[in-house]
């Protein structure tokens, strides 16, 4: 039986699939993944509204990021939606620049930001 090449090929394939399933399911390896097209939004608009002001974003509309973590956590973060925000509260009237912060969905632990395409956003407060 083990001399037949087809049987050996099928057996090898089944063993490799089994090992792959074990690693993906039980070991949960660390991975790095690029996520593209995350819309940059403003945070702190309610503070500005209380002072009859409004922020208009003028920098990059979308950012791309690279994140790292356990495979299951990275996939959950992507599925639940990663946000990119710039805090516009406590800024002055006119042109401003703020740091773009990446916000992971609640309940996601162990995922870290490796790289972001744009680190700052320009915006105008009027």
N, C-alpha and C. Protein backbone atom coordinates (compact mmCIF):
# COMPACT_ATOMS: atom_id res chain seq x y z
N UNK A 1 0.82 -1.19 0.00
CA UNK A 1 0.00 0.00 0.00
C UNK A 1 0.87 1.27 0.00
N UNK A 2 1.89 1.35 0.84
CA UNK A 2 2.72 2.55 0.91
C UNK A 2 3.65 2.70 -0.27
N UNK A 3 3.70 1.73 -1.15
CA UNK A 3 4.54 1.82 -2.34
C UNK A 3 3.82 2.54 -3.48
N UNK A 4 2.56 2.70 -3.37
CA UNK A 4 1.77 3.36 -4.40
C UNK A 4 1.97 4.88 -4.27
N UNK A 5 2.43 5.56 -5.32
CA UNK A 5 2.73 6.99 -5.28
C UNK A 5 1.48 7.84 -5.03
N UNK A 6 0.34 7.43 -5.57
CA UNK A 6 -0.89 8.19 -5.36
C UNK A 6 -1.31 8.16 -3.91
N UNK A 7 -1.20 6.99 -3.28
CA UNK A 7 -1.58 6.87 -1.87
C UNK A 7 -0.65 7.73 -1.02
N UNK A 8 0.64 7.71 -1.30
CA UNK A 8 1.60 8.53 -0.56
C UNK A 8 1.33 10.02 -0.75
N UNK A 9 0.99 10.43 -1.95
CA UNK A 9 0.69 11.84 -2.22
C UNK A 9 -0.55 12.29 -1.45
N UNK A 10 -1.59 11.47 -1.46
CA UNK A 10 -2.83 11.81 -0.73
C UNK A 10 -2.56 11.84 0.76
N UNK A 11 -1.81 10.87 1.27
CA UNK A 11 -1.47 10.84 2.69
C UNK A 11 -0.65 12.06 3.09
N UNK A 12 0.30 12.46 2.28
CA UNK A 12 1.10 13.65 2.55
C UNK A 12 0.24 14.91 2.56
N UNK A 13 -0.67 14.98 1.62
CA UNK A 13 -1.59 16.12 1.56
C UNK A 13 -2.46 16.19 2.80
N UNK A 14 -3.01 15.08 3.23
CA UNK A 14 -3.86 15.05 4.42
C UNK A 14 -3.08 15.42 5.68
N UNK A 15 -1.86 14.94 5.79
CA UNK A 15 -1.03 15.29 6.96
C UNK A 15 -0.71 16.78 6.96
N UNK A 16 -0.37 17.34 5.80
CA UNK A 16 -0.04 18.77 5.74
C UNK A 16 -1.27 19.63 6.03
N UNK A 17 -2.44 19.23 5.55
CA UNK A 17 -3.67 19.98 5.86
C UNK A 17 -3.95 19.91 7.35
N UNK A 18 -3.77 18.74 7.94
CA UNK A 18 -3.98 18.59 9.38
C UNK A 18 -3.04 19.46 10.19
N UNK A 19 -1.78 19.51 9.80
CA UNK A 19 -0.81 20.35 10.51
C UNK A 19 -1.14 21.83 10.35
N UNK A 20 -1.54 22.23 9.16
CA UNK A 20 -1.91 23.63 8.91
C UNK A 20 -3.11 24.00 9.78
N UNK A 21 -4.12 23.12 9.85
CA UNK A 21 -5.31 23.39 10.68
C UNK A 21 -4.93 23.50 12.15
N UNK A 22 -4.01 22.67 12.61
CA UNK A 22 -3.56 22.74 14.00
C UNK A 22 -2.89 24.08 14.28
N UNK A 23 -1.98 24.49 13.42
CA UNK A 23 -1.26 25.74 13.64
C UNK A 23 -2.22 26.93 13.61
N UNK A 24 -3.11 26.98 12.64
CA UNK A 24 -4.04 28.10 12.52
C UNK A 24 -5.07 28.13 13.65
N UNK A 25 -5.52 26.97 14.08
CA UNK A 25 -6.56 26.91 15.10
C UNK A 25 -6.04 26.94 16.52
N UNK A 26 -5.00 26.23 16.80
CA UNK A 26 -4.53 26.09 18.18
C UNK A 26 -3.40 27.05 18.54
N UNK A 27 -2.46 27.20 17.67
CA UNK A 27 -1.29 28.00 17.98
C UNK A 27 -1.58 29.49 17.84
N UNK A 28 -2.45 29.89 16.91
CA UNK A 28 -2.82 31.28 16.67
C UNK A 28 -1.56 32.14 16.46
N UNK A 29 -0.88 31.96 15.34
CA UNK A 29 0.42 32.62 15.12
C UNK A 29 0.29 34.14 15.01
N UNK A 30 1.41 34.81 15.29
CA UNK A 30 1.49 36.26 15.14
C UNK A 30 1.62 36.57 13.66
N UNK A 31 0.89 37.60 13.22
CA UNK A 31 0.94 37.99 11.82
C UNK A 31 0.96 39.50 11.69
N UNK A 32 1.42 39.98 10.57
CA UNK A 32 1.39 41.40 10.23
C UNK A 32 0.49 41.55 9.01
N UNK A 33 -0.43 42.53 9.07
CA UNK A 33 -1.38 42.70 7.97
C UNK A 33 -1.54 44.18 7.66
N UNK A 34 -1.66 44.49 6.38
CA UNK A 34 -1.91 45.86 5.93
C UNK A 34 -3.40 46.06 5.72
N UNK A 35 -3.91 47.16 6.27
CA UNK A 35 -5.32 47.52 6.12
C UNK A 35 -5.35 48.86 5.38
N UNK A 36 -6.06 48.91 4.27
CA UNK A 36 -6.08 50.13 3.46
C UNK A 36 -7.44 50.81 3.51
N UNK A 37 -7.43 52.10 3.24
CA UNK A 37 -8.66 52.86 3.08
C UNK A 37 -9.44 53.12 4.36
N UNK A 38 -8.75 53.41 5.47
CA UNK A 38 -9.44 53.73 6.72
C UNK A 38 -9.74 55.23 6.69
N UNK A 39 -11.01 55.59 6.78
CA UNK A 39 -11.43 56.99 6.69
C UNK A 39 -11.01 57.75 7.95
N UNK A 40 -10.40 58.92 7.76
CA UNK A 40 -10.00 59.77 8.88
C UNK A 40 -11.19 60.65 9.26
N UNK A 41 -11.57 60.59 10.53
CA UNK A 41 -12.68 61.39 11.04
C UNK A 41 -12.18 62.29 12.16
N UNK A 42 -12.99 63.27 12.51
CA UNK A 42 -12.61 64.18 13.59
C UNK A 42 -13.27 63.73 14.89
N UNK A 43 -12.56 63.90 15.98
CA UNK A 43 -13.07 63.63 17.32
C UNK A 43 -13.04 64.94 18.09
N UNK A 44 -14.02 65.18 18.91
CA UNK A 44 -14.08 66.41 19.67
C UNK A 44 -14.97 67.46 19.04
N UNK A 45 -15.79 67.07 18.07
CA UNK A 45 -16.68 68.02 17.40
C UNK A 45 -17.70 68.62 18.35
N UNK A 46 -18.13 67.85 19.35
CA UNK A 46 -19.12 68.37 20.29
C UNK A 46 -18.57 69.54 21.11
N UNK A 47 -17.29 69.49 21.44
CA UNK A 47 -16.66 70.60 22.15
C UNK A 47 -16.69 71.86 21.29
N UNK A 48 -16.33 71.71 20.01
CA UNK A 48 -16.35 72.86 19.10
C UNK A 48 -17.77 73.38 18.91
N UNK A 49 -18.75 72.49 18.79
CA UNK A 49 -20.14 72.90 18.59
C UNK A 49 -20.64 73.72 19.77
N UNK A 50 -20.19 73.38 20.96
CA UNK A 50 -20.58 74.15 22.16
C UNK A 50 -20.04 75.57 22.12
N UNK A 51 -19.02 75.79 21.31
CA UNK A 51 -18.43 77.12 21.16
C UNK A 51 -18.72 77.72 19.78
N UNK A 52 -19.76 77.20 19.13
CA UNK A 52 -20.19 77.66 17.80
C UNK A 52 -19.07 77.61 16.76
N UNK A 53 -18.27 76.57 16.82
CA UNK A 53 -17.18 76.38 15.86
C UNK A 53 -17.36 75.03 15.17
N UNK A 54 -16.67 74.88 14.05
CA UNK A 54 -16.72 73.64 13.28
C UNK A 54 -15.36 73.37 12.66
N UNK A 55 -14.99 72.09 12.62
CA UNK A 55 -13.71 71.70 12.01
C UNK A 55 -13.96 71.14 10.62
N UNK A 56 -13.12 71.55 9.69
CA UNK A 56 -13.15 71.01 8.33
C UNK A 56 -11.81 70.36 8.07
N UNK A 57 -11.83 69.05 7.85
CA UNK A 57 -10.59 68.32 7.61
C UNK A 57 -10.08 68.63 6.21
N UNK A 58 -8.77 68.80 6.09
CA UNK A 58 -8.20 69.14 4.80
C UNK A 58 -7.02 68.28 4.40
N UNK A 59 -6.61 67.39 5.28
CA UNK A 59 -5.46 66.53 4.99
C UNK A 59 -5.89 65.26 4.29
N UNK A 60 -5.20 64.17 4.55
CA UNK A 60 -5.57 62.91 3.89
C UNK A 60 -6.95 62.44 4.32
N UNK A 61 -7.75 62.03 3.35
CA UNK A 61 -9.10 61.56 3.66
C UNK A 61 -9.08 60.13 4.18
N UNK A 62 -8.13 59.34 3.70
CA UNK A 62 -7.99 57.95 4.11
C UNK A 62 -6.53 57.67 4.45
N UNK A 63 -6.31 56.70 5.36
CA UNK A 63 -4.96 56.26 5.68
C UNK A 63 -4.87 54.75 5.52
N UNK A 64 -3.66 54.29 5.32
CA UNK A 64 -3.37 52.86 5.27
C UNK A 64 -2.50 52.55 6.48
N UNK A 65 -2.74 51.40 7.10
CA UNK A 65 -1.97 51.03 8.27
C UNK A 65 -1.45 49.60 8.14
N UNK A 66 -0.44 49.32 8.92
CA UNK A 66 0.06 47.95 9.06
C UNK A 66 -0.03 47.63 10.54
N UNK A 67 -0.70 46.52 10.88
CA UNK A 67 -0.86 46.12 12.27
C UNK A 67 -0.26 44.74 12.49
N UNK A 68 0.04 44.46 13.76
CA UNK A 68 0.66 43.19 14.10
C UNK A 68 0.00 42.64 15.36
N UNK A 69 -0.20 41.33 15.37
CA UNK A 69 -0.77 40.67 16.54
C UNK A 69 -1.13 39.24 16.22
N UNK A 70 -1.75 38.57 17.18
CA UNK A 70 -2.21 37.20 16.95
C UNK A 70 -3.22 37.22 15.82
N UNK A 71 -3.20 36.20 15.01
CA UNK A 71 -4.05 36.11 13.82
C UNK A 71 -5.52 36.36 14.14
N UNK A 72 -6.03 35.73 15.20
CA UNK A 72 -7.44 35.88 15.54
C UNK A 72 -7.76 37.31 15.95
N UNK A 73 -6.88 37.96 16.71
CA UNK A 73 -7.12 39.34 17.15
C UNK A 73 -7.05 40.31 15.99
N UNK A 74 -6.10 40.13 15.09
CA UNK A 74 -5.98 41.00 13.91
C UNK A 74 -7.23 40.89 13.06
N UNK A 75 -7.69 39.68 12.82
CA UNK A 75 -8.90 39.50 12.00
C UNK A 75 -10.14 40.07 12.67
N UNK A 76 -10.26 39.94 14.00
CA UNK A 76 -11.40 40.53 14.72
C UNK A 76 -11.37 42.05 14.63
N UNK A 77 -10.18 42.64 14.77
CA UNK A 77 -10.05 44.10 14.69
C UNK A 77 -10.49 44.60 13.33
N UNK A 78 -10.09 43.90 12.28
CA UNK A 78 -10.47 44.31 10.93
C UNK A 78 -11.97 44.14 10.72
N UNK A 79 -12.52 43.02 11.20
CA UNK A 79 -13.96 42.76 11.04
C UNK A 79 -14.82 43.78 11.79
N UNK A 80 -14.40 44.16 12.99
CA UNK A 80 -15.19 45.10 13.80
C UNK A 80 -15.00 46.55 13.37
N UNK A 81 -13.92 46.84 12.66
CA UNK A 81 -13.72 48.19 12.14
C UNK A 81 -12.72 49.00 12.93
N UNK A 82 -11.59 49.26 12.33
CA UNK A 82 -10.55 50.10 12.92
C UNK A 82 -10.84 51.54 12.49
N UNK A 83 -10.67 52.48 13.42
CA UNK A 83 -10.94 53.88 13.12
C UNK A 83 -9.66 54.70 13.14
N UNK A 84 -9.68 55.77 12.36
CA UNK A 84 -8.59 56.75 12.37
C UNK A 84 -9.22 58.10 12.72
N UNK A 85 -8.73 58.71 13.81
CA UNK A 85 -9.32 59.96 14.28
C UNK A 85 -8.25 61.01 14.53
N UNK A 86 -8.65 62.26 14.38
CA UNK A 86 -7.80 63.38 14.75
C UNK A 86 -8.62 64.22 15.73
N UNK A 87 -8.03 64.54 16.88
CA UNK A 87 -8.72 65.30 17.93
C UNK A 87 -8.70 66.79 17.57
N UNK A 88 -9.87 67.35 17.32
CA UNK A 88 -9.97 68.76 16.92
C UNK A 88 -10.36 69.66 18.09
N UNK A 89 -10.67 69.07 19.23
CA UNK A 89 -11.02 69.89 20.39
C UNK A 89 -9.76 70.57 20.92
N UNK A 90 -9.94 71.69 21.56
CA UNK A 90 -8.85 72.45 22.17
C UNK A 90 -7.86 72.97 21.14
N UNK A 91 -8.31 73.21 19.94
CA UNK A 91 -7.46 73.80 18.91
C UNK A 91 -7.89 75.23 18.68
N UNK A 92 -7.05 75.99 18.02
CA UNK A 92 -7.32 77.40 17.82
C UNK A 92 -8.07 77.65 16.51
N UNK A 93 -8.72 78.79 16.45
CA UNK A 93 -9.40 79.24 15.25
C UNK A 93 -8.40 79.33 14.11
N UNK A 94 -8.77 78.83 12.92
CA UNK A 94 -7.88 78.89 11.75
C UNK A 94 -7.29 77.54 11.43
N UNK A 95 -6.11 77.58 10.79
CA UNK A 95 -5.44 76.35 10.36
C UNK A 95 -4.78 75.65 11.54
N UNK A 96 -4.93 74.33 11.59
CA UNK A 96 -4.34 73.51 12.64
C UNK A 96 -3.81 72.22 12.03
N UNK A 97 -3.01 71.53 12.82
CA UNK A 97 -2.53 70.21 12.43
C UNK A 97 -2.59 69.33 13.67
N UNK A 98 -3.08 68.12 13.47
CA UNK A 98 -3.19 67.20 14.60
C UNK A 98 -2.71 65.81 14.22
N UNK A 99 -2.38 65.05 15.24
CA UNK A 99 -1.90 63.68 15.05
C UNK A 99 -3.07 62.75 14.78
N UNK A 100 -2.91 61.89 13.79
CA UNK A 100 -3.93 60.88 13.50
C UNK A 100 -3.70 59.70 14.43
N UNK A 101 -4.72 59.37 15.19
CA UNK A 101 -4.65 58.25 16.13
C UNK A 101 -5.48 57.10 15.60
N UNK A 102 -4.94 55.91 15.70
CA UNK A 102 -5.65 54.71 15.29
C UNK A 102 -6.36 54.15 16.52
N UNK A 103 -7.67 53.92 16.39
CA UNK A 103 -8.49 53.42 17.49
C UNK A 103 -8.96 52.02 17.15
N UNK A 104 -8.53 51.06 17.97
CA UNK A 104 -8.96 49.67 17.79
C UNK A 104 -10.34 49.50 18.39
N UNK A 105 -11.14 48.59 17.85
CA UNK A 105 -12.46 48.32 18.42
C UNK A 105 -12.34 47.83 19.86
N UNK A 106 -13.37 48.07 20.65
CA UNK A 106 -13.34 47.63 22.05
C UNK A 106 -13.28 46.11 22.12
N UNK A 107 -12.58 45.63 23.12
CA UNK A 107 -12.45 44.19 23.32
C UNK A 107 -11.33 43.54 22.53
N UNK A 108 -10.57 44.32 21.79
CA UNK A 108 -9.46 43.78 21.00
C UNK A 108 -8.16 44.08 21.75
N UNK A 109 -7.45 43.03 22.14
CA UNK A 109 -6.18 43.20 22.85
C UNK A 109 -5.05 42.56 22.06
N UNK A 110 -3.87 43.10 22.24
CA UNK A 110 -2.69 42.48 21.65
C UNK A 110 -2.43 42.82 20.20
N UNK A 111 -3.11 43.84 19.67
CA UNK A 111 -2.86 44.27 18.29
C UNK A 111 -2.15 45.61 18.37
N UNK A 112 -1.02 45.72 17.69
CA UNK A 112 -0.26 46.96 17.74
C UNK A 112 -0.10 47.55 16.35
N UNK A 113 0.04 48.85 16.32
CA UNK A 113 0.25 49.58 15.07
C UNK A 113 1.73 49.52 14.72
N UNK A 114 2.03 49.07 13.52
CA UNK A 114 3.41 49.00 13.05
C UNK A 114 3.74 50.23 12.22
N UNK A 115 2.82 50.63 11.34
CA UNK A 115 3.08 51.74 10.42
C UNK A 115 1.76 52.38 10.02
N UNK A 116 1.81 53.69 9.78
CA UNK A 116 0.66 54.42 9.28
C UNK A 116 1.14 55.27 8.10
N UNK A 117 0.30 55.37 7.06
CA UNK A 117 0.72 56.08 5.85
C UNK A 117 0.87 57.58 6.06
N UNK A 118 0.00 58.20 6.84
CA UNK A 118 0.08 59.63 7.16
C UNK A 118 -0.11 59.78 8.67
N UNK A 119 0.79 60.51 9.30
CA UNK A 119 0.72 60.64 10.75
C UNK A 119 -0.03 61.88 11.22
N UNK A 120 -0.19 62.87 10.34
CA UNK A 120 -0.87 64.10 10.73
C UNK A 120 -1.96 64.47 9.74
N UNK A 121 -2.90 65.25 10.23
CA UNK A 121 -4.04 65.74 9.44
C UNK A 121 -4.10 67.25 9.61
N UNK A 122 -4.30 67.97 8.53
CA UNK A 122 -4.52 69.41 8.64
C UNK A 122 -6.02 69.65 8.65
N UNK A 123 -6.43 70.65 9.42
CA UNK A 123 -7.85 71.00 9.48
C UNK A 123 -8.00 72.47 9.83
N UNK A 124 -9.16 72.98 9.48
CA UNK A 124 -9.47 74.39 9.72
C UNK A 124 -10.63 74.48 10.70
N UNK A 125 -10.50 75.36 11.68
CA UNK A 125 -11.57 75.59 12.65
C UNK A 125 -12.15 76.96 12.37
N UNK A 126 -13.47 76.98 12.17
CA UNK A 126 -14.19 78.23 11.89
C UNK A 126 -15.45 78.28 12.67
